[in-house]
Amino acid sequence: MTAYKDMTLDQRRAEYAALQTAFADLKAQGLKLDMTRGKPCKDQLDMVSDIFDMLKEPEDYIVDGIDIRNYGALSGLPEAKRLFANLLDCKPKQVFVGGNASLQLMYGVIDCAFIHGRLNSPRPWCKEPVVKWLCPAPGYDRHFKLTESFGFELITIPMTSTGPDMDAVEEAIKDPAVKGIWCVPKYSNPEGIIYSKDTIVRMASMKPAAPDFTIMWDNAYCIHEFDGDYVEFPDILHQCKKYGNYDMVYEFASTSKITFPGDGVACMATSEANLEDFEKWIGIQTISYDKVNQQRHVLYLQNRAHTLKLMKKHAAFMKPKFEAVLSTLDREIAPLEIASWSHPKGGYFVSFDAMPGTAKRTLALCKEAGVAMTAAGATFPYGIDPNDSNIRIAPSFPPVEDVEKAIAVFCTCVKMSALEKLGV
């Protein structure tokens, strides 16, 4: 297989004509394949559906003297706090247990800071002339949309193989208008990068110009290995406290890809002072979250060791799908020298960098052939990828055979758009 850059114009034209024929055959199959988001598949959901058998007797609903069917325990059941503290390597007193969505807790933190200010805020963020926010990219589109919805100015920070470019971060935080940063520190979305210890220490020891600078530490994939054993990871709260920045960080996690995305439990871990401030405002919005679901998860997951055994079962479904994607890319695209991609060991995505200027065209062709994928540009602030290159591949939801079909379509479209860019 010859690299496209080494082909003559006639060779590229012949290759493109062959791809057009293959593309027509793919379209004729009438495929309807969904690779848009990182979701567990039906088999994974079926595997954990016995969680609903956890609460059977009337006495099961009385926990630590709390009737979990009634009002109360705004910050979560004590046992639920202990469970999440065990998973995150922090302390129960640092944990707030909420409803089914960590994104809702993230929104709550930003919303409270916007309306009321944070502990060290000179004023509520809504009273600031401008609020700027650092967005490591490629990154998570929902993070970017959240801060964009408040009118913040989003600043792109390049990602490196060890996490955000900390030189760029440290330069940006000299501006007091810069109020925070998004982080997905383990198996980052979409690249699957694990932040290095040096990056974490530099992050925790920062001295921003804004006294209310906020690290939003979305540890969504904290135990989500699909290839290999659990990877130990430093506790960000401990690191921030060590460097005098205890109130600077909020950490988030959930059981969304451990049990159910729609019916799991989310948590937030932060300093005791931050929790007290947050509860003061969130207590106006709700009296308590779903404690029945919290207790169901406590009984089902038990502790980190038991949960990691469950994650091994999830990995058995995940690994073959990622192998199907990566082996096909290595075989079909690598020799052509027109793209690069991540090789993650955990998380839910493969990050693909097509030839600059071809991502939108590639995905338009995929859609035409019946394969839906995350929109080009979604991994950058405002949905604008300046290179029109990055594509997020989410292979978790379809069966393996459908993943194989989808990635075959994808490779054909990548090749066609690259040849069009080179000139045919």
Protein backbone atom coordinates (compact mmCIF):
# COMPACT_ATOMS: atom_id res chain seq x y z
CA MET A 1 0.00 0.00 0.00
CA THR A 2 1.54 3.30 -1.13
CA ALA A 3 1.32 6.51 0.88
CA TYR A 4 -0.95 9.00 -0.86
CA LYS A 5 1.74 11.67 -0.90
CA ASP A 6 3.97 9.35 -2.91
CA MET A 7 1.33 8.61 -5.57
CA THR A 8 1.21 10.27 -8.94
CA LEU A 9 -1.92 12.19 -9.92
CA ASP A 10 -3.03 9.31 -12.16
CA GLN A 11 -2.57 6.83 -9.31
CA ARG A 12 -4.61 9.00 -6.95
CA ARG A 13 -7.37 9.31 -9.54
CA ALA A 14 -7.47 5.53 -10.01
CA GLU A 15 -7.57 5.03 -6.25
CA TYR A 16 -10.39 7.55 -5.89
CA ALA A 17 -12.44 5.87 -8.63
CA ALA A 18 -12.10 2.53 -6.83
CA LEU A 19 -13.16 4.15 -3.55
CA GLN A 20 -16.21 5.70 -5.21
CA THR A 21 -17.31 2.23 -6.29
CA ALA A 22 -16.74 0.85 -2.79
CA PHE A 23 -18.62 3.80 -1.31
CA ALA A 24 -21.60 3.17 -3.58
CA ASP A 25 -21.65 -0.47 -2.44
CA LEU A 26 -21.60 0.64 1.22
CA LYS A 27 -24.48 3.05 0.66
CA ALA A 28 -26.48 0.29 -0.98
CA GLN A 29 -26.34 -1.71 2.27
CA GLY A 30 -28.72 0.80 3.91
CA LEU A 31 -26.72 0.96 7.13
CA LYS A 32 -28.04 2.81 10.18
CA LEU A 33 -25.20 2.72 12.69
CA ASP A 34 -24.80 5.02 15.73
CA MET A 35 -21.28 5.97 16.83
CA THR A 36 -22.21 9.40 18.17
CA ARG A 37 -21.70 9.06 21.92
CA GLY A 38 -19.85 6.91 24.44
CA LYS A 39 -22.62 4.76 25.85
CA PRO A 40 -22.63 1.29 27.37
CA CYS A 41 -24.19 -1.33 25.11
CA LYS A 42 -27.35 -3.29 25.92
CA ASP A 43 -25.31 -6.32 27.05
CA GLN A 44 -23.52 -4.16 29.63
CA LEU A 45 -26.82 -2.77 30.91
CA ASP A 46 -28.32 -6.26 31.10
CA MET A 47 -25.26 -7.44 33.03
CA VAL A 48 -25.88 -5.01 35.89
CA SER A 49 -29.69 -5.06 35.93
CA ASP A 50 -29.68 -7.33 38.98
CA ILE A 51 -28.95 -4.16 40.95
CA PHE A 52 -32.73 -3.77 41.18
CA ASP A 53 -32.85 -6.84 43.44
CA MET A 54 -30.89 -5.11 46.20
CA LEU A 55 -33.81 -3.68 48.20
CA LYS A 56 -36.55 -6.20 49.00
CA GLU A 57 -37.61 -5.99 52.64
CA PRO A 58 -39.05 -3.00 54.57
CA GLU A 59 -36.00 -2.93 56.84
CA ASP A 60 -33.75 -2.46 53.80
CA TYR A 61 -35.00 1.11 53.56
CA ILE A 62 -33.73 2.13 57.01
CA VAL A 63 -30.04 3.02 56.76
CA ASP A 64 -28.02 4.59 59.60
CA GLY A 65 -31.33 5.53 61.18
CA ILE A 66 -32.44 7.28 57.97
CA ASP A 67 -35.58 6.24 56.11
CA ILE A 68 -34.18 6.51 52.61
CA ARG A 69 -37.67 6.86 51.12
CA ASN A 70 -38.22 10.18 52.90
CA TYR A 71 -36.79 13.70 52.87
CA GLY A 72 -33.36 14.41 54.33
CA ALA A 73 -29.62 13.77 53.97
CA LEU A 74 -29.11 16.49 51.35
CA SER A 75 -25.41 15.71 50.90
CA GLY A 76 -26.00 11.96 50.54
CA LEU A 77 -26.10 8.81 52.62
CA PRO A 78 -23.02 8.27 54.82
CA GLU A 79 -22.41 4.85 53.24
CA ALA A 80 -22.63 6.35 49.74
CA LYS A 81 -20.04 8.94 50.75
CA ARG A 82 -17.77 6.19 52.01
CA LEU A 83 -18.18 4.24 48.77
CA PHE A 84 -17.22 7.18 46.54
CA ALA A 85 -14.39 8.20 48.86
CA ASN A 86 -13.06 4.65 48.49
CA LEU A 87 -13.26 4.88 44.68
CA LEU A 88 -11.65 8.35 44.50
CA ASP A 89 -9.01 7.93 47.25
CA CYS A 90 -10.39 10.84 49.23
CA LYS A 91 -12.28 11.14 52.55
CA PRO A 92 -16.04 10.74 53.12
CA LYS A 93 -16.24 14.22 54.66
CA GLN A 94 -15.09 15.64 51.30
CA VAL A 95 -17.89 13.96 49.32
CA PHE A 96 -21.31 15.21 48.23
CA VAL A 97 -23.55 12.55 46.66
CA GLY A 98 -26.18 13.81 44.23
CA GLY A 99 -28.55 12.46 41.62
CA ASN A 100 -27.85 10.56 38.42
CA ALA A 101 -25.70 13.13 36.57
CA SER A 102 -22.29 14.55 37.44
CA LEU A 103 -22.88 17.19 34.76
CA GLN A 104 -25.75 18.51 36.88
CA LEU A 105 -23.38 18.93 39.83
CA MET A 106 -20.87 20.70 37.59
CA TYR A 107 -23.60 23.04 36.41
CA GLY A 108 -24.57 23.64 40.03
CA VAL A 109 -21.04 24.71 40.98
CA ILE A 110 -20.76 27.14 38.06
CA ASP A 111 -24.30 28.41 38.56
CA CYS A 112 -23.70 29.15 42.26
CA ALA A 113 -20.43 30.95 41.47
CA PHE A 114 -22.14 32.94 38.73
CA ILE A 115 -25.05 34.07 40.90
CA HIS A 116 -23.46 34.24 44.37
CA GLY A 117 -19.71 34.02 43.89
CA ARG A 118 -17.34 31.47 45.37
CA LEU A 119 -15.68 31.51 48.78
CA ASN A 120 -12.91 33.87 47.70
CA SER A 121 -14.77 35.75 44.99
CA PRO A 122 -14.53 39.55 45.14
CA ARG A 123 -18.01 39.54 43.55
CA PRO A 124 -20.41 37.11 41.85
CA TRP A 125 -19.20 36.11 38.43
CA CYS A 126 -22.30 37.65 36.84
CA LYS A 127 -20.96 41.03 38.06
CA GLU A 128 -17.56 40.57 36.37
CA PRO A 129 -16.98 42.51 33.13
CA VAL A 130 -15.78 39.27 31.53
CA VAL A 131 -15.21 35.71 32.72
CA LYS A 132 -12.70 33.59 30.84
CA TRP A 133 -12.42 29.80 31.04
CA LEU A 134 -9.60 27.47 29.98
CA CYS A 135 -10.62 24.55 27.76
CA PRO A 136 -8.01 21.87 27.03
CA ALA A 137 -8.77 20.62 23.53
CA PRO A 138 -9.56 18.21 22.08
CA GLY A 139 -11.98 17.91 24.98
CA TYR A 140 -15.53 17.19 26.10
CA ASP A 141 -18.19 19.11 24.20
CA ARG A 142 -20.65 19.23 27.11
CA HIS A 143 -18.06 20.93 29.31
CA PHE A 144 -17.53 23.61 26.71
CA LYS A 145 -21.25 24.14 26.15
CA LEU A 146 -21.84 24.47 29.89
CA THR A 147 -19.45 27.39 30.35
CA GLU A 148 -20.42 28.89 27.00
CA SER A 149 -24.05 28.96 28.17
CA PHE A 150 -23.05 31.41 30.93
CA GLY A 151 -21.42 33.73 28.40
CA PHE A 152 -17.84 32.91 29.42
CA GLU A 153 -15.04 33.51 26.95
CA LEU A 154 -13.58 30.10 26.16
CA ILE A 155 -9.80 29.85 25.71
CA THR A 156 -8.36 26.79 23.99
CA ILE A 157 -5.42 25.13 25.73
CA PRO A 158 -3.54 22.56 23.64
CA MET A 159 -3.40 18.99 24.94
CA THR A 160 -0.08 17.14 25.17
CA SER A 161 0.67 13.48 25.81
CA THR A 162 0.79 14.23 29.56
CA GLY A 163 -2.27 16.48 29.86
CA PRO A 164 -2.95 20.17 29.19
CA ASP A 165 -0.01 22.29 28.07
CA MET A 166 0.89 23.58 31.54
CA ASP A 167 3.12 26.35 30.18
CA ALA A 168 0.06 27.73 28.38
CA VAL A 169 -2.10 27.25 31.49
CA GLU A 170 0.37 29.00 33.77
CA GLU A 171 0.61 31.91 31.36
CA ALA A 172 -3.17 32.20 31.00
CA ILE A 173 -3.89 32.28 34.75
CA LYS A 174 -1.88 35.50 35.11
CA ASP A 175 -5.10 37.15 33.87
CA PRO A 176 -7.51 37.66 36.83
CA ALA A 177 -10.45 37.30 34.44
CA VAL A 178 -9.52 33.63 33.97
CA LYS A 179 -11.74 31.88 36.52
CA GLY A 180 -11.22 28.19 35.84
CA ILE A 181 -10.29 25.18 33.77
CA TRP A 182 -11.96 21.95 32.66
CA CYS A 183 -10.01 18.73 33.20
CA VAL A 184 -10.71 15.08 32.39
CA PRO A 185 -7.56 13.75 34.04
CA LYS A 186 -7.74 10.00 33.44
CA TYR A 187 -8.51 8.63 29.96
CA SER A 188 -9.32 12.13 28.76
CA ASN A 189 -12.26 12.62 26.43
CA PRO A 190 -11.53 11.98 23.57
CA GLU A 191 -7.79 11.20 23.51
CA GLY A 192 -7.58 8.73 26.39
CA ILE A 193 -4.63 10.58 27.96
CA ILE A 194 -3.73 10.03 31.62
CA TYR A 195 -2.39 13.21 33.21
CA SER A 196 1.18 12.73 34.44
CA LYS A 197 2.10 13.27 38.08
CA ASP A 198 4.13 16.32 37.05
CA THR A 199 1.06 17.82 35.34
CA ILE A 200 -1.10 17.12 38.40
CA VAL A 201 1.44 18.68 40.77
CA ARG A 202 1.80 21.76 38.55
CA MET A 203 -1.97 22.05 38.38
CA ALA A 204 -2.41 21.70 42.15
CA SER A 205 0.36 24.18 42.98
CA MET A 206 -0.75 26.98 40.64
CA LYS A 207 -1.07 30.50 41.98
CA PRO A 208 -3.68 32.11 39.70
CA ALA A 209 -4.30 35.84 39.67
CA ALA A 210 -8.01 35.18 40.30
CA PRO A 211 -8.53 34.34 44.00
CA ASP A 212 -11.58 32.26 43.03
CA PHE A 213 -9.93 30.27 40.23
CA THR A 214 -11.61 26.87 39.96
CA ILE A 215 -10.36 23.51 38.73
CA MET A 216 -13.28 21.41 37.49
CA TRP A 217 -11.76 17.92 37.74
CA ASP A 218 -14.11 15.56 35.91
CA ASN A 219 -12.72 12.15 36.87
CA ALA A 220 -15.39 10.38 34.82
CA TYR A 221 -13.19 7.40 33.89
CA CYS A 222 -11.39 6.94 37.21
CA ILE A 223 -11.72 3.12 37.17
CA HIS A 224 -12.58 2.58 33.50
CA GLU A 225 -9.70 0.47 32.19
CA PHE A 226 -10.61 -1.86 29.34
CA ASP A 227 -7.09 -3.11 28.63
CA GLY A 228 -4.95 -4.01 31.62
CA ASP A 229 -5.17 -3.63 35.38
CA TYR A 230 -6.36 -0.61 37.36
CA VAL A 231 -4.01 2.36 37.01
CA GLU A 232 -3.28 4.14 40.29
CA PHE A 233 -3.88 7.86 40.16
CA PRO A 234 -3.00 10.72 42.58
CA ASP A 235 -5.80 12.27 44.63
CA ILE A 236 -6.18 15.85 43.41
CA LEU A 237 -7.74 17.05 46.68
CA HIS A 238 -4.71 15.91 48.66
CA GLN A 239 -2.38 17.57 46.17
CA CYS A 240 -4.26 20.88 46.24
CA LYS A 241 -4.36 20.88 50.04
CA LYS A 242 -0.64 20.14 50.15
CA TYR A 243 0.11 23.24 48.08
CA GLY A 244 -2.29 25.58 49.88
CA ASN A 245 -5.05 25.39 47.26
CA TYR A 246 -7.56 23.17 49.06
CA ASP A 247 -10.58 25.25 48.01
CA MET A 248 -9.49 25.51 44.35
CA VAL A 249 -10.73 22.14 43.10
CA TYR A 250 -14.02 20.30 42.63
CA GLU A 251 -13.76 16.64 41.60
CA PHE A 252 -16.63 14.80 39.92
CA ALA A 253 -17.45 11.16 39.18
CA SER A 254 -20.45 8.93 38.69
CA THR A 255 -21.57 5.36 38.16
CA SER A 256 -22.90 6.21 34.69
CA LYS A 257 -20.64 3.66 32.97
CA ILE A 258 -20.44 1.33 35.96
CA THR A 259 -24.18 0.69 36.27
CA PHE A 260 -26.59 2.86 34.24
CA PRO A 261 -26.03 6.24 32.53
CA GLY A 262 -29.66 7.22 33.14
CA ASP A 263 -30.11 5.73 36.60
CA GLY A 264 -26.74 5.88 38.27
CA VAL A 265 -25.37 8.04 41.09
CA ALA A 266 -23.08 11.08 40.78
CA CYS A 267 -20.77 12.60 43.33
CA MET A 268 -18.61 15.65 43.92
CA ALA A 269 -15.54 15.81 46.16
CA THR A 270 -14.07 19.06 47.41
CA SER A 271 -13.00 20.89 50.56
CA GLU A 272 -15.30 20.99 53.56
CA ALA A 273 -15.61 24.77 53.18
CA ASN A 274 -16.67 24.40 49.55
CA LEU A 275 -19.21 21.74 50.50
CA GLU A 276 -20.74 23.93 53.19
CA ASP A 277 -21.03 26.82 50.75
CA PHE A 278 -22.48 24.60 47.99
CA GLU A 279 -25.05 22.97 50.28
CA LYS A 280 -26.25 26.39 51.39
CA TRP A 281 -27.35 27.18 47.84
CA ILE A 282 -28.25 23.74 46.50
CA GLY A 283 -30.49 23.24 49.52
CA ILE A 284 -32.75 25.95 48.11
CA GLN A 285 -33.18 23.92 44.90
CA THR A 286 -33.82 20.49 46.40
CA ILE A 287 -34.52 18.87 49.76
CA SER A 288 -32.59 15.72 48.92
CA TYR A 289 -31.58 13.44 46.08
CA ASP A 290 -32.64 9.85 45.38
CA LYS A 291 -31.36 8.03 48.47
CA VAL A 292 -33.04 4.77 47.46
CA ASN A 293 -30.82 4.68 44.39
CA GLN A 294 -27.79 5.65 46.47
CA GLN A 295 -28.37 2.71 48.84
CA ARG A 296 -29.02 0.35 45.94
CA HIS A 297 -25.59 1.25 44.56
CA VAL A 298 -23.90 0.97 47.94
CA LEU A 299 -25.17 -2.59 48.35
CA TYR A 300 -24.38 -3.55 44.77
CA LEU A 301 -20.91 -2.03 44.37
CA GLN A 302 -19.76 -2.53 48.01
CA ASN A 303 -16.22 -1.11 47.68
CA ARG A 304 -13.41 -0.45 45.22
CA ALA A 305 -12.20 -4.07 45.00
CA HIS A 306 -15.67 -5.38 44.24
CA THR A 307 -16.34 -2.55 41.77
CA LEU A 308 -13.08 -3.22 39.95
CA LYS A 309 -14.17 -6.83 39.45
CA LEU A 310 -17.35 -5.52 37.85
CA MET A 311 -15.32 -3.19 35.63
CA LYS A 312 -13.36 -6.22 34.36
CA LYS A 313 -16.68 -7.61 33.12
CA HIS A 314 -17.42 -4.33 31.35
CA ALA A 315 -13.93 -4.47 29.83
CA ALA A 316 -14.72 -7.82 28.26
CA PHE A 317 -17.39 -6.07 26.17
CA MET A 318 -15.35 -2.93 25.49
CA LYS A 319 -11.94 -4.28 24.49
CA PRO A 320 -13.00 -6.18 21.33
CA LYS A 321 -14.74 -3.08 20.00
CA PHE A 322 -11.68 -0.90 20.46
CA GLU A 323 -9.49 -3.61 18.98
CA ALA A 324 -11.77 -3.70 15.93
CA VAL A 325 -11.37 0.05 15.46
CA LEU A 326 -7.64 0.23 16.08
CA SER A 327 -6.68 -2.85 14.05
CA THR A 328 -8.69 -1.57 11.07
CA LEU A 329 -7.13 1.88 11.27
CA ASP A 330 -3.66 0.36 11.58
CA ARG A 331 -4.29 -1.79 8.52
CA GLU A 332 -6.25 0.57 6.27
CA ILE A 333 -5.07 4.08 7.15
CA ALA A 334 -1.60 3.91 8.72
CA PRO A 335 0.26 2.96 5.49
CA LEU A 336 -1.32 5.89 3.66
CA GLU A 337 0.23 8.45 6.05
CA ILE A 338 -2.86 10.67 6.03
CA ALA A 339 -3.92 10.59 9.71
CA SER A 340 -3.00 9.76 13.30
CA TRP A 341 -5.03 8.48 16.25
CA SER A 342 -4.86 7.61 19.93
CA HIS A 343 -4.39 4.09 21.29
CA PRO A 344 -6.17 4.32 24.66
CA LYS A 345 -6.16 1.66 27.38
CA GLY A 346 -9.35 2.91 28.99
CA GLY A 347 -12.17 5.40 28.73
CA TYR A 348 -14.74 5.42 25.94
CA PHE A 349 -13.18 7.03 22.86
CA VAL A 350 -10.54 6.98 20.15
CA SER A 351 -9.36 10.42 19.04
CA PHE A 352 -8.67 10.54 15.30
CA ASP A 353 -6.80 13.37 13.56
CA ALA A 354 -7.56 13.33 9.85
CA MET A 355 -5.72 15.33 7.22
CA PRO A 356 -6.32 19.01 8.09
CA GLY A 357 -9.35 20.40 6.32
CA THR A 358 -11.09 17.04 5.89
CA ALA A 359 -12.94 16.16 9.12
CA LYS A 360 -16.27 17.74 8.13
CA ARG A 361 -16.14 16.19 4.68
CA THR A 362 -15.28 12.78 6.13
CA LEU A 363 -18.24 12.83 8.49
CA ALA A 364 -20.60 14.11 5.79
CA LEU A 365 -19.65 11.08 3.71
CA CYS A 366 -20.12 8.79 6.72
CA LYS A 367 -23.61 10.18 7.24
CA GLU A 368 -24.40 9.65 3.58
CA ALA A 369 -23.40 5.99 4.01
CA GLY A 370 -25.53 5.54 7.15
CA VAL A 371 -22.95 5.96 9.93
CA ALA A 372 -23.67 8.68 12.51
CA MET A 373 -20.70 10.08 14.45
CA THR A 374 -20.02 13.02 16.75
CA ALA A 375 -19.98 16.25 14.74
CA ALA A 376 -16.66 17.56 13.52
CA GLY A 377 -15.47 20.39 15.76
CA ALA A 378 -17.39 19.15 18.81
CA THR A 379 -14.15 18.50 20.69
CA PHE A 380 -13.20 22.19 20.56
CA PRO A 381 -14.69 25.30 22.19
CA TYR A 382 -17.61 26.79 20.25
CA GLY A 383 -17.62 23.64 18.08
CA ILE A 384 -14.83 25.07 15.91
CA ASP A 385 -11.76 22.96 15.20
CA PRO A 386 -9.30 25.41 13.63
CA ASN A 387 -7.68 22.58 11.67
CA ASP A 388 -10.93 20.78 10.75
CA SER A 389 -9.11 17.59 11.69
CA ASN A 390 -10.20 15.97 14.95
CA ILE A 391 -12.89 13.27 14.98
CA ARG A 392 -14.13 11.46 18.08
CA ILE A 393 -14.79 7.76 17.52
CA ALA A 394 -17.15 6.15 20.06
CA PRO A 395 -17.23 2.37 19.53
CA SER A 396 -18.86 1.26 22.80
CA PHE A 397 -22.56 1.15 21.92
CA PRO A 398 -22.95 -0.99 18.76
CA PRO A 399 -22.26 -4.75 18.67
CA VAL A 400 -18.76 -5.71 17.48
CA GLU A 401 -20.01 -6.67 14.03
CA ASP A 402 -21.60 -3.24 13.62
CA VAL A 403 -18.44 -1.53 14.85
CA GLU A 404 -16.53 -3.39 12.15
CA LYS A 405 -19.02 -2.21 9.51
CA ALA A 406 -18.92 1.36 10.78
CA ILE A 407 -15.14 1.60 10.86
CA ALA A 408 -14.96 0.15 7.34
CA VAL A 409 -17.25 2.95 6.17
CA PHE A 410 -15.20 5.47 8.13
CA CYS A 411 -11.91 4.36 6.57
CA THR A 412 -13.39 4.62 3.06
CA CYS A 413 -14.61 8.15 3.81
CA VAL A 414 -11.27 9.19 5.33
CA LYS A 415 -9.49 8.02 2.19
CA MET A 416 -11.92 9.78 -0.15
CA SER A 417 -11.74 13.11 1.68
CA ALA A 418 -7.94 12.92 1.82
CA LEU A 419 -7.66 12.31 -1.92
CA GLU A 420 -10.09 15.15 -2.60
CA LYS A 421 -7.91 17.43 -0.48
CA LEU A 422 -4.77 16.33 -2.29
CA GLY A 423 -6.45 16.92 -5.63
CA VAL A 424 -7.98 14.31 -7.89
